[in-house]
Amino acid sequence: MSEPRSTRIRRLVYQSSYTGMKETDLLLGRFAQDHLAGLSDSQLDHYEALLEAGDGQIYLWVSGTEPVPARYDTSVLELIKEFRNE
């Protein structure tokens, strides 16, 4: 049985706030609270895959320190980068 959308969003918001690295917790936690409800199911899939990559990698990609692998170079990562620069 599939997880209800509202439950999935709550779970992702929680996971985003407790990634393990303070900088990423703050960035992804705020992003998740502000934006996850407005994302499509496909975008939520991309966001979930991004979280699985690990907080250190996400931080390096968002900060532009390392190039983003094609698998993670999605509209969701672009939204996070834009959110970071607001």
Protein backbone atom coordinates (compact mmCIF):
# COMPACT_ATOMS: atom_id res chain seq x y z
CA MET A 1 0.00 0.00 0.00
CA SER A 2 1.29 3.41 -0.95
CA GLU A 3 2.03 6.05 1.64
CA PRO A 4 -0.51 8.92 1.65
CA ARG A 5 0.89 12.13 0.16
CA SER A 6 0.44 14.14 3.38
CA THR A 7 2.29 11.48 5.38
CA ARG A 8 5.06 11.37 2.82
CA ILE A 9 5.50 15.14 2.95
CA ARG A 10 5.60 15.14 6.77
CA ARG A 11 8.21 12.37 6.70
CA LEU A 12 10.34 14.24 4.15
CA VAL A 13 10.10 17.49 6.13
CA TYR A 14 11.30 15.62 9.21
CA GLN A 15 14.15 13.90 7.34
CA SER A 16 15.15 17.24 5.81
CA SER A 17 15.47 18.84 9.23
CA TYR A 18 17.68 16.07 10.62
CA THR A 19 20.19 15.22 7.89
CA GLY A 20 23.17 15.26 10.24
CA MET A 21 24.92 18.43 9.09
CA LYS A 22 23.71 21.71 10.64
CA GLU A 23 24.01 23.77 7.44
CA THR A 24 22.08 21.21 5.42
CA ASP A 25 19.50 20.74 8.19
CA LEU A 26 18.73 24.46 8.12
CA LEU A 27 18.64 24.76 4.34
CA LEU A 28 16.67 21.61 3.55
CA GLY A 29 14.42 21.88 6.61
CA ARG A 30 13.28 25.37 5.63
CA PHE A 31 13.03 24.43 1.95
CA ALA A 32 10.93 21.37 2.78
CA GLN A 33 8.55 23.33 5.02
CA ASP A 34 8.08 26.04 2.40
CA HIS A 35 8.01 24.03 -0.83
CA LEU A 36 7.33 20.29 -0.57
CA ALA A 37 3.54 20.61 -0.51
CA GLY A 38 3.68 22.39 -3.87
CA LEU A 39 5.87 19.80 -5.61
CA SER A 40 4.49 17.13 -7.92
CA ASP A 41 4.79 13.45 -7.00
CA SER A 42 7.60 13.11 -9.53
CA GLN A 43 9.44 16.03 -7.95
CA LEU A 44 8.96 14.46 -4.52
CA ASP A 45 10.57 11.29 -5.91
CA HIS A 46 13.55 13.39 -7.05
CA TYR A 47 13.74 15.13 -3.67
CA GLU A 48 13.68 11.81 -1.84
CA ALA A 49 16.46 10.45 -4.07
CA LEU A 50 18.45 13.60 -3.37
CA LEU A 51 18.14 13.07 0.39
CA GLU A 52 19.46 9.54 -0.05
CA ALA A 53 22.64 10.97 -1.62
CA GLY A 54 23.65 12.32 1.79
CA ASP A 55 23.88 15.73 3.38
CA GLY A 56 27.56 16.28 2.61
CA GLN A 57 27.07 15.71 -1.10
CA ILE A 58 23.94 17.85 -1.22
CA TYR A 59 25.82 20.72 0.42
CA LEU A 60 28.69 20.45 -2.08
CA TRP A 61 26.27 20.43 -5.03
CA VAL A 62 24.12 23.31 -3.77
CA SER A 63 27.17 25.42 -2.96
CA GLY A 64 28.67 24.72 -6.38
CA THR A 65 31.79 23.16 -4.89
CA GLU A 66 31.34 19.94 -6.86
CA PRO A 67 29.56 19.23 -10.15
CA VAL A 68 26.15 17.61 -9.86
CA PRO A 69 25.82 14.11 -11.34
CA ALA A 70 23.13 13.93 -14.04
CA ARG A 71 20.95 11.70 -11.86
CA TYR A 72 20.56 14.47 -9.28
CA ASP A 73 20.62 17.47 -11.62
CA THR A 74 16.86 18.02 -11.56
CA SER A 75 14.42 20.89 -11.26
CA VAL A 76 14.21 20.14 -7.54
CA LEU A 77 17.92 20.78 -7.01
CA GLU A 78 17.57 24.02 -8.97
CA LEU A 79 14.69 25.05 -6.68
CA ILE A 80 16.88 24.36 -3.65
CA LYS A 81 19.72 26.43 -5.13
CA GLU A 82 17.32 29.31 -5.82
CA PHE A 83 15.92 29.03 -2.29
CA ARG A 84 19.45 29.17 -0.87
CA ASN A 85 20.14 32.39 -2.76
CA GLU A 86 16.96 34.18 -1.63
